Amino acid sequence: MTLRQIPCGKTVKVCKLNGEGPVKRRIMDMGITKGVEVFVRKVAPLGDPVEVTVRGYELSLRKADAEMIEVE
């Protein structure tokens, strides 16, 4: 299951990051790493962007980036 598929109000744990090179590095630099908990705050009406809370701060992710984050 990916972060994009999670409904609002749920907290999930990151289990794997897909993607390569600079894209994966950028996601990791935002604080999204394996084992961290992510709370889905809002999803825009068309699904892009997804607003999440990670490590105590709010972050907006594009739909394509959210699909690269596998959660449980």
N, C-alpha and C. Protein backbone atom coordinates (compact mmCIF):
# COMPACT_ATOMS: atom_id res chain seq x y z
N MET A 1 0.85 -1.18 0.00
CA MET A 1 0.00 0.00 0.00
C MET A 1 0.90 1.24 0.00
N THR A 2 0.50 2.26 -0.75
CA THR A 2 1.31 3.48 -0.81
C THR A 2 0.64 4.60 -0.02
N LEU A 3 1.39 5.64 0.25
CA LEU A 3 0.89 6.78 1.02
C LEU A 3 -0.28 7.45 0.30
N ARG A 4 -0.30 7.41 -1.01
CA ARG A 4 -1.38 8.04 -1.77
C ARG A 4 -2.73 7.37 -1.52
N GLN A 5 -2.74 6.11 -1.16
CA GLN A 5 -3.98 5.35 -0.96
C GLN A 5 -4.56 5.50 0.44
N ILE A 6 -3.86 6.18 1.33
CA ILE A 6 -4.30 6.31 2.73
C ILE A 6 -5.32 7.45 2.85
N PRO A 7 -6.46 7.21 3.50
CA PRO A 7 -7.46 8.28 3.67
C PRO A 7 -7.04 9.28 4.76
N CYS A 8 -7.70 10.42 4.77
CA CYS A 8 -7.43 11.46 5.78
C CYS A 8 -7.64 10.93 7.18
N GLY A 9 -6.82 11.42 8.12
CA GLY A 9 -6.99 11.07 9.52
C GLY A 9 -6.30 9.80 9.96
N LYS A 10 -5.59 9.15 9.09
CA LYS A 10 -4.90 7.90 9.45
C LYS A 10 -3.42 8.15 9.67
N THR A 11 -2.84 7.38 10.59
CA THR A 11 -1.41 7.40 10.82
C THR A 11 -0.84 6.07 10.36
N VAL A 12 0.23 6.15 9.57
CA VAL A 12 0.85 4.95 9.02
C VAL A 12 2.36 5.00 9.25
N LYS A 13 3.00 3.86 9.07
CA LYS A 13 4.44 3.76 9.26
C LYS A 13 5.08 3.46 7.90
N VAL A 14 6.14 4.19 7.57
CA VAL A 14 6.84 3.99 6.30
C VAL A 14 7.63 2.70 6.37
N CYS A 15 7.45 1.83 5.37
CA CYS A 15 8.20 0.58 5.36
C CYS A 15 9.21 0.52 4.22
N LYS A 16 9.02 1.32 3.16
CA LYS A 16 9.98 1.29 2.05
C LYS A 16 9.82 2.53 1.19
N LEU A 17 10.94 3.02 0.66
CA LEU A 17 10.92 4.12 -0.30
C LEU A 17 11.32 3.59 -1.66
N ASN A 18 10.46 3.80 -2.64
CA ASN A 18 10.80 3.44 -4.01
C ASN A 18 11.34 4.68 -4.70
N GLY A 19 11.79 4.52 -5.92
CA GLY A 19 12.35 5.66 -6.64
C GLY A 19 13.86 5.55 -6.69
N GLU A 20 14.46 6.44 -7.47
CA GLU A 20 15.89 6.38 -7.67
C GLU A 20 16.53 7.76 -7.57
N GLY A 21 17.80 7.74 -7.24
CA GLY A 21 18.64 8.94 -7.28
C GLY A 21 18.10 10.14 -6.56
N PRO A 22 18.07 11.29 -7.28
CA PRO A 22 17.71 12.56 -6.64
C PRO A 22 16.30 12.61 -6.08
N VAL A 23 15.35 11.90 -6.70
CA VAL A 23 13.97 11.91 -6.21
C VAL A 23 13.90 11.24 -4.84
N LYS A 24 14.50 10.08 -4.72
CA LYS A 24 14.52 9.36 -3.44
C LYS A 24 15.26 10.17 -2.38
N ARG A 25 16.36 10.79 -2.77
CA ARG A 25 17.16 11.60 -1.84
C ARG A 25 16.34 12.78 -1.32
N ARG A 26 15.56 13.41 -2.20
CA ARG A 26 14.74 14.57 -1.81
C ARG A 26 13.67 14.15 -0.80
N ILE A 27 13.04 12.99 -1.03
CA ILE A 27 12.04 12.49 -0.09
C ILE A 27 12.68 12.22 1.28
N MET A 28 13.86 11.62 1.27
CA MET A 28 14.56 11.34 2.52
C MET A 28 14.97 12.64 3.22
N ASP A 29 15.38 13.65 2.46
CA ASP A 29 15.77 14.93 3.05
C ASP A 29 14.59 15.64 3.71
N MET A 30 13.37 15.33 3.28
CA MET A 30 12.17 15.90 3.90
C MET A 30 11.83 15.22 5.22
N GLY A 31 12.56 14.17 5.58
CA GLY A 31 12.34 13.49 6.85
C GLY A 31 11.55 12.21 6.73
N ILE A 32 11.22 11.82 5.51
CA ILE A 32 10.45 10.58 5.31
C ILE A 32 11.45 9.45 5.08
N THR A 33 11.67 8.68 6.13
CA THR A 33 12.60 7.56 6.06
C THR A 33 11.91 6.31 6.59
N LYS A 34 12.54 5.17 6.39
CA LYS A 34 11.96 3.90 6.83
C LYS A 34 11.74 3.92 8.35
N GLY A 35 10.54 3.51 8.76
CA GLY A 35 10.22 3.41 10.18
C GLY A 35 9.53 4.64 10.78
N VAL A 36 9.53 5.76 10.07
CA VAL A 36 8.92 6.98 10.62
C VAL A 36 7.41 6.92 10.46
N GLU A 37 6.68 7.53 11.42
CA GLU A 37 5.22 7.57 11.34
C GLU A 37 4.78 8.83 10.60
N VAL A 38 3.78 8.67 9.74
CA VAL A 38 3.25 9.76 8.93
C VAL A 38 1.75 9.85 9.16
N PHE A 39 1.27 11.04 9.50
CA PHE A 39 -0.16 11.28 9.70
C PHE A 39 -0.69 12.02 8.48
N VAL A 40 -1.71 11.47 7.83
CA VAL A 40 -2.31 12.11 6.65
C VAL A 40 -3.33 13.13 7.13
N ARG A 41 -3.03 14.42 6.92
CA ARG A 41 -3.91 15.49 7.39
C ARG A 41 -5.02 15.80 6.41
N LYS A 42 -4.64 16.03 5.15
CA LYS A 42 -5.62 16.43 4.13
C LYS A 42 -5.23 15.84 2.79
N VAL A 43 -6.23 15.62 1.96
CA VAL A 43 -5.99 15.25 0.57
C VAL A 43 -6.82 16.21 -0.27
N ALA A 44 -6.20 16.86 -1.24
CA ALA A 44 -6.91 17.81 -2.10
C ALA A 44 -8.01 17.09 -2.88
N PRO A 45 -9.02 17.82 -3.32
CA PRO A 45 -10.15 17.19 -4.02
C PRO A 45 -9.75 16.29 -5.20
N LEU A 46 -8.75 16.67 -5.95
CA LEU A 46 -8.31 15.85 -7.07
C LEU A 46 -7.16 14.93 -6.70
N GLY A 47 -6.82 14.88 -5.41
CA GLY A 47 -5.79 13.97 -4.93
C GLY A 47 -4.37 14.51 -4.97
N ASP A 48 -4.20 15.75 -5.41
CA ASP A 48 -2.85 16.31 -5.52
C ASP A 48 -2.88 17.74 -5.01
N PRO A 49 -2.20 18.14 -3.98
CA PRO A 49 -1.24 17.38 -3.17
C PRO A 49 -1.88 16.70 -1.97
N VAL A 50 -1.05 15.93 -1.28
CA VAL A 50 -1.43 15.26 -0.04
C VAL A 50 -0.69 15.98 1.08
N GLU A 51 -1.40 16.43 2.11
CA GLU A 51 -0.76 17.12 3.23
C GLU A 51 -0.58 16.14 4.37
N VAL A 52 0.66 16.01 4.85
CA VAL A 52 0.97 15.06 5.91
C VAL A 52 1.74 15.74 7.04
N THR A 53 1.76 15.10 8.20
CA THR A 53 2.59 15.55 9.31
C THR A 53 3.66 14.48 9.54
N VAL A 54 4.92 14.91 9.48
CA VAL A 54 6.07 14.02 9.64
C VAL A 54 7.02 14.66 10.63
N ARG A 55 7.39 13.91 11.68
CA ARG A 55 8.37 14.40 12.67
C ARG A 55 8.01 15.76 13.24
N GLY A 56 6.71 16.02 13.40
CA GLY A 56 6.27 17.26 14.04
C GLY A 56 6.10 18.45 13.11
N TYR A 57 6.29 18.29 11.81
CA TYR A 57 6.04 19.41 10.91
C TYR A 57 5.15 18.97 9.76
N GLU A 58 4.52 19.97 9.12
CA GLU A 58 3.59 19.69 8.04
C GLU A 58 4.29 19.76 6.70
N LEU A 59 3.86 18.88 5.82
CA LEU A 59 4.53 18.73 4.54
C LEU A 59 3.49 18.43 3.47
N SER A 60 3.64 19.02 2.30
CA SER A 60 2.76 18.71 1.18
C SER A 60 3.55 17.90 0.16
N LEU A 61 2.96 16.80 -0.27
CA LEU A 61 3.60 15.92 -1.24
C LEU A 61 2.79 15.82 -2.51
N ARG A 62 3.48 15.80 -3.62
CA ARG A 62 2.79 15.55 -4.88
C ARG A 62 2.30 14.11 -4.92
N LYS A 63 1.29 13.88 -5.73
CA LYS A 63 0.72 12.55 -5.87
C LYS A 63 1.79 11.55 -6.33
N ALA A 64 2.63 11.94 -7.26
CA ALA A 64 3.67 11.05 -7.77
C ALA A 64 4.67 10.68 -6.67
N ASP A 65 5.00 11.64 -5.81
CA ASP A 65 5.93 11.37 -4.71
C ASP A 65 5.28 10.46 -3.66
N ALA A 66 3.99 10.68 -3.38
CA ALA A 66 3.29 9.86 -2.39
C ALA A 66 3.19 8.41 -2.85
N GLU A 67 3.15 8.18 -4.15
CA GLU A 67 3.09 6.81 -4.67
C GLU A 67 4.39 6.06 -4.47
N MET A 68 5.49 6.78 -4.29
CA MET A 68 6.80 6.13 -4.10
C MET A 68 7.03 5.66 -2.66
N ILE A 69 6.13 6.05 -1.75
CA ILE A 69 6.30 5.74 -0.34
C ILE A 69 5.38 4.60 0.05
N GLU A 70 5.96 3.44 0.33
CA GLU A 70 5.16 2.28 0.76
C GLU A 70 5.00 2.33 2.27
N VAL A 71 3.75 2.09 2.72
CA VAL A 71 3.43 2.19 4.15
C VAL A 71 2.70 0.94 4.62
N GLU A 72 2.62 0.80 5.95
CA GLU A 72 1.87 -0.33 6.53
C GLU A 72 0.96 0.20 7.63
